[in-house]
Amino acid sequence: MTARPLIIAAHSLGLDGSLFDKLRAEVKPWADLWAPDLAGHGGSPISEFSFGNAMRDWESVANENHAGFTMHLGVGLGALVVGAASARSSSADAIVLISPYVKVSGGGSARIAATETRIADIGFEKFVAEYADATLTPRRSADDRANVVTALRRTGEHRFLAALRSAMDFDGTDLYPQISLPTLILRGEDDVRVGPEGVREVGGLLATEVHTLTGAGHLLPLEEPHRLVEMLRAVVSRARDS
């Protein structure tokens, strides 16, 4: 019997593995999905996010033995972790990057300062609500909003800001060209967190087409699990036919 495919998924900034609960249910008939909390997020025992911490933690999970097809999937910050890990070495057969970017102009210092000021002005609890409402599309469900709010609360202000600073300092200019795995790059048309230019730049470095999902936002596994699962199945089918 052929082993079931395994998807190992890395979540977006400030969130946790629950981002993939809907997607896990969608893929359950044909694949397994692991979604560990990244370093400095959710229930991770690692107190603060850095790419060094995240890479070591991710690789300890990703390199566990698995007999079947393995796909690594990342969203936003998680896409940066998956991309960086895949450039260095990877046990995956294919990767899916949702809303990755190469780097933020100026190191993102303006965004960091603006975020710190906003939290100081209104408090982290109100900031969490604002962040969730801005990240999700207008047609979000109450459950989707609750998922994002709860995850951000678990991560907390200090750990959220630490992860944001790391994300703003990321530079994948030399990393992405080292990726040799089959790669699917996705972006929601209405993503307010990562603009189309940044995602297209990643596609250029990888010589890979960027697929844009109309009417979708940043958190595709949460808001668009039905559409996403079709694309994941196609990746597995193409890899097995090649």
Foldseek 3Di string as FASTA:
>chain_A
DAFAEEEEEEEAFLFFQCLQVQLQVVCVVGHHYHTGGFALFFPDPRNADALVRRLVVVCVVQVPDDDHAYEYEYFHLGLLSVLQNLLVPGPHQEYEYEQYFAADPPLCPVVLVVLVVVCVVPNPLVVQLVVLVLQFDPVDDPVLSVNSSVRNVSSDDVRSSRSVSNSSNHGCPPRLLSRDHHYAYEYEPAEPPHDPVRSVVSCVSNVHDYYYDYPGYRSCSNPPSPVVVVVVVVVVVVSVVD
